[in-house]
Amino acid sequence: MGNRVALIDYGAGNLHSVHNALTAAGSEFITVTDDPEFVRGAQRIVLPGVGAFKACRDGLFGIPGMVEALTEQVLGKGVPFLGICVGMQLLADRGLEFGVTPGLGWIAGEVEKIERTDPAIRVPHMGWNDVALTPHHGDDDLLEPGEAYFLHSYHFAPENGHDVAAMTDHGGGLVAAVARDNIIGVQFHPEKSQRYGLDLLARFLEWKP
């Protein structure tokens, strides 16, 4: 696949595992980068993320010109974008972990702590769980129903239900994926989700939103 994939390095992502998974999915042109100019030439962008929302946000916004380059490419030029875990949560207006922290604001909503409505439910939400597509998801064939690996204590609550592409159940519904136009974000980890995750990454590398 001849797409130049920019895997964003901002000090808060599981870069090695994501890089290996993208390679296994068929990409031959992946660059781990913190260079906004490289991002401006990329044909696909992947933003991973692990840890706290604020730390991830500070790392990303701390790279001079990176957010501007991402915005130009994704919102301005329609370059396909994949956010993973906290990389997906950063799409929100704000996160509520350790106070209120602004996000990218590309998909309206906020990132909230998972509430324990059942004493038997553990937080963080960790392990394999179903990915169920929402009825309005559309027909781009990027997401498919299945099982994926999750690890998170906070969840994305979008303002508009039409931005929710998939749900999972952990003592109640949690958003498993959001999508709009050329943007997709997944709460689960494709790089830890074996065949289900590799198939998703392979479809992303071919995606033409």
Protein backbone atom coordinates (compact mmCIF):
# COMPACT_ATOMS: atom_id res chain seq x y z
CA MET A 1 0.00 0.00 0.00
CA GLY A 2 1.53 3.27 -1.13
CA ASN A 3 -0.02 5.52 1.49
CA ARG A 4 2.32 7.61 3.63
CA VAL A 5 1.07 7.00 7.17
CA ALA A 6 2.03 9.46 9.90
CA LEU A 7 1.99 7.81 13.34
CA ILE A 8 2.08 10.76 15.72
CA ASP A 9 4.75 10.69 18.43
CA TYR A 10 3.89 13.05 21.28
CA GLY A 11 5.25 11.03 24.17
CA ALA A 12 1.96 9.37 25.10
CA GLY A 13 1.31 6.56 22.66
CA ASN A 14 1.92 2.84 22.38
CA LEU A 15 3.99 3.54 19.28
CA HIS A 16 5.94 0.30 18.88
CA SER A 17 2.87 -1.94 19.11
CA VAL A 18 0.77 0.29 16.83
CA HIS A 19 3.59 0.49 14.28
CA ASN A 20 3.94 -3.29 14.28
CA ALA A 21 0.18 -3.74 13.91
CA LEU A 22 0.01 -1.33 10.96
CA THR A 23 2.88 -3.21 9.33
CA ALA A 24 1.11 -6.53 9.90
CA ALA A 25 -2.04 -4.98 8.40
CA GLY A 26 -0.17 -4.26 5.18
CA SER A 27 1.36 -0.78 5.40
CA GLU A 28 4.90 -0.34 4.08
CA PHE A 29 5.16 3.43 4.52
CA ILE A 30 4.70 4.22 8.22
CA THR A 31 6.70 7.01 9.84
CA VAL A 32 6.68 7.66 13.58
CA THR A 33 6.92 11.44 13.67
CA ASP A 34 6.67 14.60 15.73
CA ASP A 35 7.34 16.77 12.65
CA PRO A 36 4.36 18.92 11.58
CA GLU A 37 5.80 19.26 8.08
CA PHE A 38 5.83 15.51 7.59
CA VAL A 39 2.23 15.39 8.82
CA ARG A 40 1.32 17.95 6.15
CA GLY A 41 2.51 15.49 3.51
CA ALA A 42 0.91 12.38 4.99
CA GLN A 43 -1.94 10.55 3.30
CA ARG A 44 -3.20 8.93 6.49
CA ILE A 45 -2.78 9.93 10.13
CA VAL A 46 -2.91 7.74 13.25
CA LEU A 47 -3.00 9.30 16.73
CA PRO A 48 -2.46 6.72 19.48
CA GLY A 49 -2.76 7.52 23.17
CA VAL A 50 -2.34 5.91 26.59
CA GLY A 51 -2.52 7.43 30.06
CA ALA A 52 -4.34 10.47 31.37
CA PHE A 53 -6.25 12.84 29.09
CA LYS A 54 -4.44 15.93 30.40
CA ALA A 55 -0.96 14.44 29.97
CA CYS A 56 -1.79 13.36 26.43
CA ARG A 57 -3.31 16.70 25.57
CA ASP A 58 -0.33 18.60 26.97
CA GLY A 59 2.08 16.39 25.03
CA LEU A 60 0.27 16.88 21.73
CA PHE A 61 -0.29 20.60 22.12
CA GLY A 62 3.28 21.01 23.35
CA ILE A 63 4.72 20.21 19.90
CA PRO A 64 4.96 23.55 18.06
CA GLY A 65 2.72 23.55 15.01
CA MET A 66 1.45 19.98 15.40
CA VAL A 67 -2.18 20.75 16.18
CA GLU A 68 -2.27 23.27 13.35
CA ALA A 69 -0.85 20.68 10.93
CA LEU A 70 -3.34 18.05 12.06
CA THR A 71 -6.22 20.48 11.71
CA GLU A 72 -5.14 21.51 8.21
CA GLN A 73 -4.81 17.93 7.06
CA VAL A 74 -7.82 16.35 8.74
CA LEU A 75 -10.42 19.12 8.81
CA GLY A 76 -9.10 21.11 5.87
CA LYS A 77 -8.01 18.44 3.37
CA GLY A 78 -10.05 15.44 4.51
CA VAL A 79 -7.07 13.16 5.14
CA PRO A 80 -8.24 9.89 6.78
CA PHE A 81 -7.62 10.01 10.54
CA LEU A 82 -7.67 7.27 13.17
CA GLY A 83 -7.55 8.04 16.90
CA ILE A 84 -6.85 5.15 19.28
CA CYS A 85 -7.90 5.08 22.97
CA VAL A 86 -6.90 8.48 24.43
CA GLY A 87 -6.13 9.52 20.84
CA MET A 88 -9.85 9.06 20.22
CA GLN A 89 -10.79 10.87 23.43
CA LEU A 90 -8.73 13.91 22.40
CA LEU A 91 -11.27 14.50 19.63
CA ALA A 92 -13.66 15.76 22.34
CA ASP A 93 -14.22 19.34 23.47
CA ARG A 94 -12.84 18.59 26.93
CA GLY A 95 -11.75 15.91 29.34
CA LEU A 96 -12.73 15.83 33.02
CA GLU A 97 -9.75 13.88 34.39
CA PHE A 98 -7.71 15.96 36.88
CA GLY A 99 -9.91 19.00 36.26
CA VAL A 100 -11.28 20.33 32.98
CA THR A 101 -8.85 20.09 30.06
CA PRO A 102 -9.71 21.29 26.53
CA GLY A 103 -9.37 18.75 23.72
CA LEU A 104 -9.18 19.20 19.96
CA GLY A 105 -12.91 19.91 19.74
CA TRP A 106 -13.38 18.05 16.45
CA ILE A 107 -16.33 16.02 17.77
CA ALA A 108 -18.50 17.76 20.35
CA GLY A 109 -18.65 16.08 23.74
CA GLU A 110 -16.63 15.37 26.84
CA VAL A 111 -14.60 12.57 28.38
CA GLU A 112 -16.03 11.44 31.72
CA LYS A 113 -15.14 8.86 34.35
CA ILE A 114 -16.87 5.49 33.99
CA GLU A 115 -19.48 5.34 36.75
CA ARG A 116 -19.78 2.08 38.69
CA THR A 117 -23.52 1.40 38.60
CA ASP A 118 -22.99 -2.22 39.69
CA PRO A 119 -20.53 -3.28 42.43
CA ALA A 120 -19.54 -6.24 40.25
CA ILE A 121 -18.35 -3.92 37.50
CA ARG A 122 -14.67 -3.09 37.64
CA VAL A 123 -13.06 0.18 36.67
CA PRO A 124 -10.89 0.39 34.65
CA HIS A 125 -12.81 -1.40 31.94
CA MET A 126 -10.15 -3.92 30.94
CA GLY A 127 -10.23 -6.90 28.62
CA TRP A 128 -12.20 -8.21 25.68
CA ASN A 129 -15.67 -6.89 24.99
CA ASP A 130 -18.18 -6.66 22.18
CA VAL A 131 -18.13 -3.90 19.56
CA ALA A 132 -21.72 -3.36 18.40
CA LEU A 133 -22.39 -1.01 15.50
CA THR A 134 -25.04 1.67 15.91
CA PRO A 135 -28.04 1.53 13.53
CA HIS A 136 -27.12 4.85 11.86
CA HIS A 137 -23.45 3.92 11.40
CA GLY A 138 -23.56 4.02 7.60
CA ASP A 139 -22.12 1.83 4.90
CA ASP A 140 -18.41 2.69 4.70
CA ASP A 141 -17.52 -0.87 5.88
CA LEU A 142 -14.67 0.45 8.03
CA LEU A 143 -16.05 -0.89 11.30
CA GLU A 144 -17.48 -4.35 11.75
CA PRO A 145 -19.15 -6.00 14.76
CA GLY A 146 -16.88 -8.22 16.80
CA GLU A 147 -14.76 -8.30 19.95
CA ALA A 148 -11.87 -6.00 20.81
CA TYR A 149 -9.53 -5.31 23.71
CA PHE A 150 -10.34 -2.33 25.96
CA LEU A 151 -8.38 -0.63 28.73
CA HIS A 152 -9.79 2.66 30.06
CA SER A 153 -11.27 4.36 33.11
CA TYR A 154 -12.79 7.34 31.25
CA HIS A 155 -15.15 7.28 28.31
CA PHE A 156 -16.16 9.65 25.50
CA ALA A 157 -19.73 11.00 25.74
CA PRO A 158 -20.47 12.80 22.43
CA GLU A 159 -23.17 15.47 22.33
CA ASN A 160 -24.57 14.16 19.03
CA GLY A 161 -25.56 10.52 18.94
CA HIS A 162 -24.95 10.42 15.20
CA ASP A 163 -21.22 10.72 15.92
CA VAL A 164 -21.34 7.38 17.77
CA ALA A 165 -20.36 4.57 15.40
CA ALA A 166 -20.22 1.66 17.86
CA MET A 167 -21.02 0.82 21.47
CA THR A 168 -19.90 -1.71 24.04
CA ASP A 169 -21.47 -2.78 27.33
CA HIS A 170 -19.72 -2.58 30.70
CA GLY A 171 -22.41 -2.20 33.34
CA GLY A 172 -24.20 -0.01 30.80
CA GLY A 173 -23.47 1.37 27.38
CA LEU A 174 -20.06 2.90 26.64
CA VAL A 175 -18.98 4.41 23.35
CA ALA A 176 -16.61 2.06 21.51
CA ALA A 177 -16.10 4.22 18.41
CA VAL A 178 -16.94 7.63 17.03
CA ALA A 179 -16.91 8.63 13.38
CA ARG A 180 -17.60 11.62 11.21
CA ASP A 181 -16.63 12.09 7.56
CA ASN A 182 -12.89 11.24 7.35
CA ILE A 183 -12.45 10.90 11.12
CA ILE A 184 -12.74 7.72 13.15
CA GLY A 185 -11.80 7.16 16.77
CA VAL A 186 -11.86 3.84 18.62
CA GLN A 187 -11.80 3.42 22.39
CA PHE A 188 -10.38 -0.08 22.11
CA HIS A 189 -6.84 -1.00 21.10
CA PRO A 190 -6.66 -2.45 17.56
CA GLU A 191 -3.01 -3.35 18.16
CA LYS A 192 -4.07 -5.61 21.06
CA SER A 193 -7.22 -6.97 19.41
CA GLN A 194 -5.61 -9.72 17.32
CA ARG A 195 -7.36 -10.48 13.99
CA TYR A 196 -10.26 -8.11 14.66
CA GLY A 197 -7.85 -5.21 15.18
CA LEU A 198 -5.59 -6.06 12.24
CA ASP A 199 -8.59 -6.30 9.92
CA LEU A 200 -9.76 -2.86 11.07
CA LEU A 201 -6.32 -1.36 10.43
CA ALA A 202 -6.18 -3.01 6.99
CA ARG A 203 -9.54 -1.44 6.09
CA PHE A 204 -8.35 1.93 7.40
CA LEU A 205 -5.31 1.76 5.10
CA GLU A 206 -7.68 1.35 2.14
CA TRP A 207 -10.42 3.69 3.44
CA LYS A 208 -11.65 6.36 1.03
CA PRO A 209 -14.15 8.45 3.02
